[in-house]
PDB file of N, CA and C in Angstrom:
ATOM      1  N   MET A   1     -20.149   0.173 -17.310  1.00  0.00           N
ATOM      2  CA  MET A   1     -20.710   0.229 -15.972  1.00  0.00           C
ATOM      3  C   MET A   1     -19.589   0.076 -14.955  1.00  0.00           C
ATOM      4  N   ASN A   2     -19.489   1.020 -14.052  1.00  0.00           N
ATOM      5  CA  ASN A   2     -18.461   0.972 -13.014  1.00  0.00           C
ATOM      6  C   ASN A   2     -19.047   0.503 -11.690  1.00  0.00           C
ATOM      7  N   ALA A   3     -18.183  -0.125 -10.904  1.00  0.00           N
ATOM      8  CA  ALA A   3     -18.559  -0.586  -9.573  1.00  0.00           C
ATOM      9  C   ALA A   3     -17.384  -0.365  -8.640  1.00  0.00           C
ATOM     10  N   ILE A   4     -17.683  -0.374  -7.355  1.00  0.00           N
ATOM     11  CA  ILE A   4     -16.680  -0.231  -6.312  1.00  0.00           C
ATOM     12  C   ILE A   4     -16.559  -1.566  -5.590  1.00  0.00           C
ATOM     13  N   ILE A   5     -15.322  -2.022  -5.436  1.00  0.00           N
ATOM     14  CA  ILE A   5     -15.042  -3.248  -4.685  1.00  0.00           C
ATOM     15  C   ILE A   5     -14.214  -2.864  -3.472  1.00  0.00           C
ATOM     16  N   THR A   6     -14.583  -3.393  -2.308  1.00  0.00           N
ATOM     17  CA  THR A   6     -13.765  -3.234  -1.113  1.00  0.00           C
ATOM     18  C   THR A   6     -13.367  -4.615  -0.602  1.00  0.00           C
ATOM     19  N   VAL A   7     -12.159  -4.691  -0.089  1.00  0.00           N
ATOM     20  CA  VAL A   7     -11.631  -5.927   0.486  1.00  0.00           C
ATOM     21  C   VAL A   7     -10.954  -5.539   1.800  1.00  0.00           C
ATOM     22  N   VAL A   8     -11.360  -6.183   2.892  1.00  0.00           N
ATOM     23  CA  VAL A   8     -10.823  -5.865   4.216  1.00  0.00           C
ATOM     24  C   VAL A   8     -10.572  -7.164   4.964  1.00  0.00           C
ATOM     25  N   GLY A   9      -9.420  -7.254   5.616  1.00  0.00           N
ATOM     26  CA  GLY A   9      -9.128  -8.434   6.420  1.00  0.00           C
ATOM     27  C   GLY A   9      -7.698  -8.417   6.909  1.00  0.00           C
ATOM     28  N   THR A  10      -7.298  -9.498   7.540  1.00  0.00           N
ATOM     29  CA  THR A  10      -5.926  -9.639   8.007  1.00  0.00           C
ATOM     30  C   THR A  10      -5.001  -9.747   6.807  1.00  0.00           C
ATOM     31  N   ASP A  11      -3.917  -8.989   6.833  1.00  0.00           N
ATOM     32  CA  ASP A  11      -2.974  -8.986   5.712  1.00  0.00           C
ATOM     33  C   ASP A  11      -2.315 -10.351   5.557  1.00  0.00           C
ATOM     34  N   LYS A  12      -2.178 -10.773   4.295  1.00  0.00           N
ATOM     35  CA  LYS A  12      -1.455 -12.006   3.971  1.00  0.00           C
ATOM     36  C   LYS A  12      -1.027 -11.930   2.517  1.00  0.00           C
ATOM     37  N   VAL A  13      -0.087 -12.733   2.159  1.00  0.00           N
ATOM     38  CA  VAL A  13       0.441 -12.771   0.798  1.00  0.00           C
ATOM     39  C   VAL A  13      -0.641 -13.229  -0.175  1.00  0.00           C
ATOM     40  N   GLY A  14      -0.765 -12.528  -1.304  1.00  0.00           N
ATOM     41  CA  GLY A  14      -1.591 -13.002  -2.401  1.00  0.00           C
ATOM     42  C   GLY A  14      -2.974 -12.416  -2.537  1.00  0.00           C
ATOM     43  N   ILE A  15      -3.400 -11.551  -1.637  1.00  0.00           N
ATOM     44  CA  ILE A  15      -4.766 -11.021  -1.728  1.00  0.00           C
ATOM     45  C   ILE A  15      -4.951 -10.243  -3.027  1.00  0.00           C
ATOM     46  N   ILE A  16      -4.057  -9.295  -3.295  1.00  0.00           N
ATOM     47  CA  ILE A  16      -4.190  -8.485  -4.508  1.00  0.00           C
ATOM     48  C   ILE A  16      -4.094  -9.372  -5.745  1.00  0.00           C
ATOM     49  N   ALA A  17      -3.167 -10.312  -5.746  1.00  0.00           N
ATOM     50  CA  ALA A  17      -2.995 -11.211  -6.895  1.00  0.00           C
ATOM     51  C   ALA A  17      -4.250 -12.027  -7.164  1.00  0.00           C
ATOM     52  N   ARG A  18      -4.844 -12.580  -6.125  1.00  0.00           N
ATOM     53  CA  ARG A  18      -6.035 -13.426  -6.301  1.00  0.00           C
ATOM     54  C   ARG A  18      -7.241 -12.610  -6.753  1.00  0.00           C
ATOM     55  N   VAL A  19      -7.434 -11.428  -6.160  1.00  0.00           N
ATOM     56  CA  VAL A  19      -8.562 -10.581  -6.555  1.00  0.00           C
ATOM     57  C   VAL A  19      -8.363 -10.095  -7.996  1.00  0.00           C
ATOM     58  N   SER A  20      -7.155  -9.691  -8.345  1.00  0.00           N
ATOM     59  CA  SER A  20      -6.866  -9.231  -9.709  1.00  0.00           C
ATOM     60  C   SER A  20      -7.091 -10.346 -10.731  1.00  0.00           C
ATOM     61  N   ALA A  21      -6.642 -11.551 -10.425  1.00  0.00           N
ATOM     62  CA  ALA A  21      -6.853 -12.693 -11.323  1.00  0.00           C
ATOM     63  C   ALA A  21      -8.344 -12.988 -11.478  1.00  0.00           C
ATOM     64  N   PHE A  22      -9.086 -12.938 -10.378  1.00  0.00           N
ATOM     65  CA  PHE A  22     -10.536 -13.142 -10.399  1.00  0.00           C
ATOM     66  C   PHE A  22     -11.191 -12.174 -11.382  1.00  0.00           C
ATOM     67  N   LEU A  23     -10.801 -10.896 -11.291  1.00  0.00           N
ATOM     68  CA  LEU A  23     -11.386  -9.881 -12.168  1.00  0.00           C
ATOM     69  C   LEU A  23     -10.975 -10.112 -13.622  1.00  0.00           C
ATOM     70  N   ALA A  24      -9.710 -10.402 -13.863  1.00  0.00           N
ATOM     71  CA  ALA A  24      -9.221 -10.627 -15.234  1.00  0.00           C
ATOM     72  C   ALA A  24      -9.939 -11.801 -15.892  1.00  0.00           C
ATOM     73  N   GLU A  25     -10.189 -12.864 -15.134  1.00  0.00           N
ATOM     74  CA  GLU A  25     -10.895 -14.042 -15.667  1.00  0.00           C
ATOM     75  C   GLU A  25     -12.307 -13.697 -16.130  1.00  0.00           C
ATOM     76  N   ARG A  26     -12.868 -12.621 -15.605  1.00  0.00           N
ATOM     77  CA  ARG A  26     -14.230 -12.200 -15.944  1.00  0.00           C
ATOM     78  C   ARG A  26     -14.249 -10.961 -16.841  1.00  0.00           C
ATOM     79  N   SER A  27     -13.099 -10.610 -17.410  1.00  0.00           N
ATOM     80  CA  SER A  27     -12.954  -9.434 -18.291  1.00  0.00           C
ATOM     81  C   SER A  27     -13.394  -8.145 -17.603  1.00  0.00           C
ATOM     82  N   ILE A  28     -13.077  -8.038 -16.318  1.00  0.00           N
ATOM     83  CA  ILE A  28     -13.386  -6.843 -15.543  1.00  0.00           C
ATOM     84  C   ILE A  28     -12.090  -6.060 -15.368  1.00  0.00           C
ATOM     85  N   ASN A  29     -12.088  -4.822 -15.841  1.00  0.00           N
ATOM     86  CA  ASN A  29     -10.886  -3.998 -15.803  1.00  0.00           C
ATOM     87  C   ASN A  29     -10.819  -3.180 -14.518  1.00  0.00           C
ATOM     88  N   ILE A  30      -9.635  -3.118 -13.922  1.00  0.00           N
ATOM     89  CA  ILE A  30      -9.407  -2.276 -12.753  1.00  0.00           C
ATOM     90  C   ILE A  30      -9.093  -0.874 -13.250  1.00  0.00           C
ATOM     91  N   GLU A  31      -9.967   0.069 -12.957  1.00  0.00           N
ATOM     92  CA  GLU A  31      -9.789   1.462 -13.372  1.00  0.00           C
ATOM     93  C   GLU A  31      -8.934   2.247 -12.381  1.00  0.00           C
ATOM     94  N   ASP A  32      -9.090   1.957 -11.097  1.00  0.00           N
ATOM     95  CA  ASP A  32      -8.330   2.640 -10.053  1.00  0.00           C
ATOM     96  C   ASP A  32      -8.256   1.705  -8.852  1.00  0.00           C
ATOM     97  N   ILE A  33      -7.166   1.809  -8.102  1.00  0.00           N
ATOM     98  CA  ILE A  33      -6.998   0.940  -6.937  1.00  0.00           C
ATOM     99  C   ILE A  33      -6.235   1.684  -5.852  1.00  0.00           C
ATOM    100  N   SER A  34      -6.645   1.465  -4.624  1.00  0.00           N
ATOM    101  CA  SER A  34      -5.957   2.002  -3.464  1.00  0.00           C
ATOM    102  C   SER A  34      -5.921   0.899  -2.426  1.00  0.00           C
ATOM    103  N   GLN A  35      -4.756   0.693  -1.837  1.00  0.00           N
ATOM    104  CA  GLN A  35      -4.670  -0.321  -0.793  1.00  0.00           C
ATOM    105  C   GLN A  35      -3.644   0.110   0.243  1.00  0.00           C
ATOM    106  N   THR A  36      -3.864  -0.354   1.447  1.00  0.00           N
ATOM    107  CA  THR A  36      -2.936  -0.064   2.534  1.00  0.00           C
ATOM    108  C   THR A  36      -3.018  -1.189   3.552  1.00  0.00           C
ATOM    109  N   VAL A  37      -2.033  -1.222   4.405  1.00  0.00           N
ATOM    110  CA  VAL A  37      -2.034  -2.151   5.529  1.00  0.00           C
ATOM    111  C   VAL A  37      -1.943  -1.296   6.786  1.00  0.00           C
ATOM    112  N   LEU A  38      -2.946  -1.428   7.653  1.00  0.00           N
ATOM    113  CA  LEU A  38      -3.019  -0.671   8.895  1.00  0.00           C
ATOM    114  C   LEU A  38      -2.923  -1.632  10.069  1.00  0.00           C
ATOM    115  N   SER A  39      -1.803  -1.611  10.767  1.00  0.00           N
ATOM    116  CA  SER A  39      -1.604  -2.486  11.943  1.00  0.00           C
ATOM    117  C   SER A  39      -1.931  -3.937  11.638  1.00  0.00           C
ATOM    118  N   GLY A  40      -1.490  -4.414  10.475  1.00  0.00           N
ATOM    119  CA  GLY A  40      -1.724  -5.807  10.094  1.00  0.00           C
ATOM    120  C   GLY A  40      -3.051  -6.060   9.406  1.00  0.00           C
ATOM    121  N   ASN A  41      -3.871  -5.016   9.253  1.00  0.00           N
ATOM    122  CA  ASN A  41      -5.160  -5.146   8.574  1.00  0.00           C
ATOM    123  C   ASN A  41      -5.044  -4.647   7.143  1.00  0.00           C
ATOM    124  N   PHE A  42      -5.409  -5.505   6.192  1.00  0.00           N
ATOM    125  CA  PHE A  42      -5.367  -5.177   4.778  1.00  0.00           C
ATOM    126  C   PHE A  42      -6.660  -4.462   4.403  1.00  0.00           C
ATOM    127  N   VAL A  43      -6.533  -3.318   3.702  1.00  0.00           N
ATOM    128  CA  VAL A  43      -7.705  -2.560   3.256  1.00  0.00           C
ATOM    129  C   VAL A  43      -7.467  -2.165   1.797  1.00  0.00           C
ATOM    130  N   MET A  44      -8.406  -2.545   0.914  1.00  0.00           N
ATOM    131  CA  MET A  44      -8.275  -2.218  -0.501  1.00  0.00           C
ATOM    132  C   MET A  44      -9.621  -1.744  -1.045  1.00  0.00           C
ATOM    133  N   MET A  45      -9.548  -0.725  -1.897  1.00  0.00           N
ATOM    134  CA  MET A  45     -10.734  -0.236  -2.601  1.00  0.00           C
ATOM    135  C   MET A  45     -10.383  -0.146  -4.081  1.00  0.00           C
ATOM    136  N   MET A  46     -11.279  -0.636  -4.927  1.00  0.00           N
ATOM    137  CA  MET A  46     -11.058  -0.618  -6.365  1.00  0.00           C
ATOM    138  C   MET A  46     -12.262  -0.036  -7.079  1.00  0.00           C
ATOM    139  N   MET A  47     -12.009   0.725  -8.125  1.00  0.00           N
ATOM    140  CA  MET A  47     -13.054   1.113  -9.075  1.00  0.00           C
ATOM    141  C   MET A  47     -12.834   0.195 -10.270  1.00  0.00           C
ATOM    142  N   VAL A  48     -13.864  -0.547 -10.662  1.00  0.00           N
ATOM    143  CA  VAL A  48     -13.738  -1.492 -11.763  1.00  0.00           C
ATOM    144  C   VAL A  48     -14.779  -1.210 -12.841  1.00  0.00           C
ATOM    145  N   ASP A  49     -14.446  -1.600 -14.056  1.00  0.00           N
ATOM    146  CA  ASP A  49     -15.331  -1.446 -15.212  1.00  0.00           C
ATOM    147  C   ASP A  49     -15.830  -2.826 -15.611  1.00  0.00           C
ATOM    148  N   LEU A  50     -17.140  -3.043 -15.487  1.00  0.00           N
ATOM    149  CA  LEU A  50     -17.745  -4.330 -15.806  1.00  0.00           C
ATOM    150  C   LEU A  50     -18.348  -4.370 -17.206  1.00  0.00           C
ATOM    151  N   SER A  51     -18.151  -3.335 -18.008  1.00  0.00           N
ATOM    152  CA  SER A  51     -18.843  -3.237 -19.295  1.00  0.00           C
ATOM    153  C   SER A  51     -18.476  -4.356 -20.279  1.00  0.00           C
ATOM    154  N   ARG A  52     -17.304  -4.956 -20.139  1.00  0.00           N
ATOM    155  CA  ARG A  52     -16.895  -6.038 -21.053  1.00  0.00           C
ATOM    156  C   ARG A  52     -17.155  -7.431 -20.484  1.00  0.00           C
ATOM    157  N   SER A  53     -17.623  -7.488 -19.270  1.00  0.00           N
ATOM    158  CA  SER A  53     -17.857  -8.777 -18.618  1.00  0.00           C
ATOM    159  C   SER A  53     -19.215  -9.347 -19.025  1.00  0.00           C
ATOM    160  N   ASN A  54     -19.258 -10.660 -19.183  1.00  0.00           N
ATOM    161  CA  ASN A  54     -20.526 -11.337 -19.467  1.00  0.00           C
ATOM    162  C   ASN A  54     -21.284 -11.674 -18.187  1.00  0.00           C
ATOM    163  N   ALA A  55     -20.622 -11.556 -17.050  1.00  0.00           N
ATOM    164  CA  ALA A  55     -21.248 -11.895 -15.771  1.00  0.00           C
ATOM    165  C   ALA A  55     -22.069 -10.702 -15.266  1.00  0.00           C
ATOM    166  N   SER A  56     -23.178 -11.000 -14.630  1.00  0.00           N
ATOM    167  CA  SER A  56     -24.012  -9.944 -14.049  1.00  0.00           C
ATOM    168  C   SER A  56     -23.351  -9.411 -12.781  1.00  0.00           C
ATOM    169  N   LEU A  57     -23.757  -8.219 -12.382  1.00  0.00           N
ATOM    170  CA  LEU A  57     -23.249  -7.619 -11.158  1.00  0.00           C
ATOM    171  C   LEU A  57     -23.501  -8.539  -9.964  1.00  0.00           C
ATOM    172  N   GLU A  58     -24.681  -9.112  -9.900  1.00  0.00           N
ATOM    173  CA  GLU A  58     -25.028 -10.004  -8.786  1.00  0.00           C
ATOM    174  C   GLU A  58     -24.175 -11.269  -8.784  1.00  0.00           C
ATOM    175  N   GLN A  59     -23.904 -11.832  -9.969  1.00  0.00           N
ATOM    176  CA  GLN A  59     -23.073 -13.032 -10.041  1.00  0.00           C
ATOM    177  C   GLN A  59     -21.642 -12.728  -9.615  1.00  0.00           C
ATOM    178  N   VAL A  60     -21.116 -11.604 -10.075  1.00  0.00           N
ATOM    179  CA  VAL A  60     -19.762 -11.200  -9.678  1.00  0.00           C
ATOM    180  C   VAL A  60     -19.709 -11.002  -8.172  1.00  0.00           C
ATOM    181  N   LYS A  61     -20.736 -10.371  -7.619  1.00  0.00           N
ATOM    182  CA  LYS A  61     -20.797 -10.135  -6.172  1.00  0.00           C
ATOM    183  C   LYS A  61     -20.774 -11.452  -5.399  1.00  0.00           C
ATOM    184  N   GLU A  62     -21.577 -12.428  -5.847  1.00  0.00           N
ATOM    185  CA  GLU A  62     -21.605 -13.753  -5.201  1.00  0.00           C
ATOM    186  C   GLU A  62     -20.265 -14.457  -5.299  1.00  0.00           C
ATOM    187  N   ASP A  63     -19.685 -14.462  -6.494  1.00  0.00           N
ATOM    188  CA  ASP A  63     -18.401 -15.132  -6.708  1.00  0.00           C
ATOM    189  C   ASP A  63     -17.290 -14.454  -5.916  1.00  0.00           C
ATOM    190  N   LEU A  64     -17.335 -13.124  -5.842  1.00  0.00           N
ATOM    191  CA  LEU A  64     -16.344 -12.378  -5.080  1.00  0.00           C
ATOM    192  C   LEU A  64     -16.456 -12.702  -3.591  1.00  0.00           C
ATOM    193  N   ALA A  65     -17.665 -12.859  -3.097  1.00  0.00           N
ATOM    194  CA  ALA A  65     -17.868 -13.238  -1.690  1.00  0.00           C
ATOM    195  C   ALA A  65     -17.261 -14.611  -1.413  1.00  0.00           C
ATOM    196  N   CYS A  66     -17.404 -15.543  -2.356  1.00  0.00           N
ATOM    197  CA  CYS A  66     -16.797 -16.874  -2.196  1.00  0.00           C
ATOM    198  C   CYS A  66     -15.279 -16.772  -2.172  1.00  0.00           C
ATOM    199  N   LEU A  67     -14.727 -15.948  -3.070  1.00  0.00           N
ATOM    200  CA  LEU A  67     -13.278 -15.747  -3.079  1.00  0.00           C
ATOM    201  C   LEU A  67     -12.840 -15.134  -1.756  1.00  0.00           C
ATOM    202  N   GLY A  68     -13.565 -14.127  -1.295  1.00  0.00           N
ATOM    203  CA  GLY A  68     -13.233 -13.494  -0.019  1.00  0.00           C
ATOM    204  C   GLY A  68     -13.236 -14.491   1.122  1.00  0.00           C
ATOM    205  N   SER A  69     -14.221 -15.364   1.120  1.00  0.00           N
ATOM    206  CA  SER A  69     -14.302 -16.394   2.156  1.00  0.00           C
ATOM    207  C   SER A  69     -13.070 -17.294   2.130  1.00  0.00           C
ATOM    208  N   SER A  70     -12.646 -17.674   0.929  1.00  0.00           N
ATOM    209  CA  SER A  70     -11.473 -18.548   0.818  1.00  0.00           C
ATOM    210  C   SER A  70     -10.193 -17.828   1.252  1.00  0.00           C
ATOM    211  N   LEU A  71     -10.159 -16.513   1.101  1.00  0.00           N
ATOM    212  CA  LEU A  71      -9.007 -15.715   1.525  1.00  0.00           C
ATOM    213  C   LEU A  71      -9.138 -15.221   2.963  1.00  0.00           C
ATOM    214  N   GLN A  72     -10.275 -15.485   3.570  1.00  0.00           N
ATOM    215  CA  GLN A  72     -10.592 -15.040   4.928  1.00  0.00           C
ATOM    216  C   GLN A  72     -10.565 -13.515   5.044  1.00  0.00           C
ATOM    217  N   VAL A  73     -11.173 -12.857   4.027  1.00  0.00           N
ATOM    218  CA  VAL A  73     -11.337 -11.407   4.033  1.00  0.00           C
ATOM    219  C   VAL A  73     -12.797 -11.092   3.733  1.00  0.00           C
ATOM    220  N   SER A  74     -13.202  -9.889   4.066  1.00  0.00           N
ATOM    221  CA  SER A  74     -14.553  -9.422   3.768  1.00  0.00           C
ATOM    222  C   SER A  74     -14.516  -8.671   2.440  1.00  0.00           C
ATOM    223  N   THR A  75     -15.444  -8.986   1.546  1.00  0.00           N
ATOM    224  CA  THR A  75     -15.519  -8.295   0.258  1.00  0.00           C
ATOM    225  C   THR A  75     -16.885  -7.662   0.088  1.00  0.00           C
ATOM    226  N   ASN A  76     -16.917  -6.593  -0.679  1.00  0.00           N
ATOM    227  CA  ASN A  76     -18.185  -5.957  -1.020  1.00  0.00           C
ATOM    228  C   ASN A  76     -18.064  -5.378  -2.420  1.00  0.00           C
ATOM    229  N   LEU A  77     -19.133  -5.441  -3.174  1.00  0.00           N
ATOM    230  CA  LEU A  77     -19.193  -4.861  -4.507  1.00  0.00           C
ATOM    231  C   LEU A  77     -20.505  -4.123  -4.631  1.00  0.00           C
ATOM    232  N   MET A  78     -20.442  -2.876  -5.086  1.00  0.00           N
ATOM    233  CA  MET A  78     -21.681  -2.132  -5.318  1.00  0.00           C
ATOM    234  C   MET A  78     -21.520  -1.244  -6.544  1.00  0.00           C
ATOM    235  N   HIS A  79     -22.633  -1.032  -7.210  1.00  0.00           N
ATOM    236  CA  HIS A  79     -22.641  -0.160  -8.385  1.00  0.00           C
ATOM    237  C   HIS A  79     -22.149   1.216  -7.972  1.00  0.00           C
ATOM    238  N   GLU A  80     -21.385   1.864  -8.832  1.00  0.00           N
ATOM    239  CA  GLU A  80     -20.816   3.177  -8.525  1.00  0.00           C
ATOM    240  C   GLU A  80     -21.886   4.200  -8.140  1.00  0.00           C
ATOM    241  N   ALA A  81     -23.037   4.174  -8.807  1.00  0.00           N
ATOM    242  CA  ALA A  81     -24.105   5.134  -8.508  1.00  0.00           C
ATOM    243  C   ALA A  81     -24.626   4.954  -7.080  1.00  0.00           C
ATOM    244  N   VAL A  82     -24.741   3.712  -6.635  1.00  0.00           N
ATOM    245  CA  VAL A  82     -25.198   3.437  -5.266  1.00  0.00           C
ATOM    246  C   VAL A  82     -24.154   3.937  -4.276  1.00  0.00           C
ATOM    247  N   PHE A  83     -22.878   3.655  -4.565  1.00  0.00           N
ATOM    248  CA  PHE A  83     -21.797   4.108  -3.703  1.00  0.00           C
ATOM    249  C   PHE A  83     -21.816   5.632  -3.559  1.00  0.00           C
ATOM    250  N   LYS A  84     -21.935   6.335  -4.684  1.00  0.00           N
ATOM    251  CA  LYS A  84     -21.946   7.804  -4.657  1.00  0.00           C
ATOM    252  C   LYS A  84     -23.150   8.332  -3.882  1.00  0.00           C
ATOM    253  N   ALA A  85     -24.305   7.705  -4.063  1.00  0.00           N
ATOM    254  CA  ALA A  85     -25.506   8.144  -3.362  1.00  0.00           C
ATOM    255  C   ALA A  85     -25.363   7.950  -1.853  1.00  0.00           C
ATOM    256  N   MET A  86     -24.715   6.873  -1.445  1.00  0.00           N
ATOM    257  CA  MET A  86     -24.523   6.591  -0.026  1.00  0.00           C
ATOM    258  C   MET A  86     -23.543   7.560   0.624  1.00  0.00           C
ATOM    259  N   HIS A  87     -22.631   8.116  -0.154  1.00  0.00           N
ATOM    260  CA  HIS A  87     -21.569   8.949   0.417  1.00  0.00           C
ATOM    261  C   HIS A  87     -21.715  10.431   0.051  1.00  0.00           C
ATOM    262  N   ARG A  88     -22.895  10.797  -0.400  1.00  0.00           N
ATOM    263  CA  ARG A  88     -23.165  12.202  -0.709  1.00  0.00           C
ATOM    264  C   ARG A  88     -23.393  12.971   0.582  1.00  0.00           C
ATOM    265  N   LEU A  89     -22.856  14.162   0.663  1.00  0.00           N
ATOM    266  CA  LEU A  89     -23.021  14.977   1.879  1.00  0.00           C
ATOM    267  C   LEU A  89     -24.347  15.669   1.900  1.00  0.00           C
TER     268      LEU A  89
END
Protein backbone atom coordinates (compact mmCIF):
# COMPACT_ATOMS: atom_id res chain seq x y z
CA MET A 1 0.00 0.00 0.00
CA ASN A 2 1.44 3.34 -1.05
CA ALA A 3 0.78 6.74 0.47
CA ILE A 4 1.85 10.31 -0.15
CA ILE A 5 3.44 12.37 2.62
CA THR A 6 3.90 16.13 2.40
CA VAL A 7 5.94 18.25 4.79
CA VAL A 8 5.90 22.06 4.58
CA GLY A 9 7.37 24.67 6.90
CA THR A 10 10.27 26.96 7.67
CA ASP A 11 13.55 25.33 6.68
CA LYS A 12 15.77 24.07 9.50
CA VAL A 13 18.39 21.41 10.06
CA GLY A 14 17.14 17.86 10.58
CA ILE A 15 13.68 17.76 9.00
CA ILE A 16 14.54 15.07 6.45
CA ALA A 17 16.55 13.10 9.02
CA ARG A 18 13.74 13.11 11.60
CA VAL A 19 11.01 12.21 9.10
CA SER A 20 13.18 9.45 7.58
CA ALA A 21 13.96 8.01 11.03
CA PHE A 22 10.24 8.13 11.93
CA LEU A 23 9.41 6.10 8.82
CA ALA A 24 12.27 3.60 9.32
CA GLU A 25 11.15 2.95 12.92
CA ARG A 26 7.76 1.89 11.52
CA SER A 27 9.18 -0.23 8.64
CA ILE A 28 7.85 2.26 6.09
CA ASN A 29 9.99 2.44 2.96
CA ILE A 30 10.54 5.67 1.03
CA GLU A 31 9.86 4.84 -2.62
CA ASP A 32 10.41 8.35 -4.01
CA ILE A 33 11.22 11.74 -2.53
CA SER A 34 11.34 15.31 -3.75
CA GLN A 35 12.29 18.29 -1.63
CA THR A 36 13.21 21.89 -2.14
CA VAL A 37 13.68 25.09 -0.22
CA LEU A 38 11.81 28.11 -1.60
CA SER A 39 12.74 31.45 -0.01
CA GLY A 40 13.42 29.75 3.32
CA ASN A 41 10.35 27.50 3.11
CA PHE A 42 10.98 23.76 3.21
CA VAL A 43 8.73 21.67 0.92
CA MET A 44 8.96 17.87 0.70
CA MET A 45 6.80 15.21 -0.94
CA MET A 46 7.35 11.48 -0.48
CA MET A 47 5.80 8.34 -1.91
CA VAL A 48 6.04 5.67 0.79
CA ASP A 49 5.24 1.96 0.98
CA LEU A 50 3.38 0.97 4.15
CA SER A 51 2.95 -2.71 3.24
CA ARG A 52 5.56 -3.90 5.79
CA SER A 53 4.42 -1.63 8.60
CA ASN A 54 2.33 -2.93 11.49
CA ALA A 55 0.89 0.54 12.09
CA SER A 56 -2.39 1.55 10.49
CA LEU A 57 -2.57 4.45 8.05
CA GLU A 58 -4.52 6.47 10.62
CA GLN A 59 -1.99 5.78 13.39
CA VAL A 60 0.92 6.78 11.15
CA LYS A 61 -0.98 9.94 10.19
CA GLU A 62 -1.54 10.85 13.87
CA ASP A 63 2.06 10.12 14.85
CA LEU A 64 3.37 12.05 11.84
CA ALA A 65 1.25 15.06 12.85
CA CYS A 66 2.84 14.93 16.33
CA LEU A 67 6.30 14.79 14.77
CA GLY A 68 5.41 17.70 12.50
CA SER A 69 4.25 19.70 15.49
CA SER A 70 7.54 19.08 17.28
CA LEU A 71 9.43 20.20 14.16
CA GLN A 72 7.07 23.15 13.65
CA VAL A 73 6.11 21.98 10.15
CA SER A 74 2.81 20.95 8.59
CA THR A 75 2.51 17.28 7.63
CA ASN A 76 -0.07 15.37 5.66
CA LEU A 77 -0.42 11.71 4.73
CA MET A 78 -2.98 10.28 2.35
CA HIS A 79 -3.48 7.00 0.55
CA GLU A 80 -2.08 7.13 -2.99
CA ALA A 81 -5.51 6.37 -4.52
CA VAL A 82 -7.07 9.36 -2.74
CA PHE A 83 -4.20 11.59 -3.84
CA LYS A 84 -4.58 10.49 -7.48
CA ALA A 85 -8.35 10.97 -7.39
CA MET A 86 -7.94 14.50 -6.00
CA HIS A 87 -5.46 15.48 -8.72
CA ARG A 88 -7.15 13.91 -11.73
CA LEU A 89 -7.91 16.36 -14.53
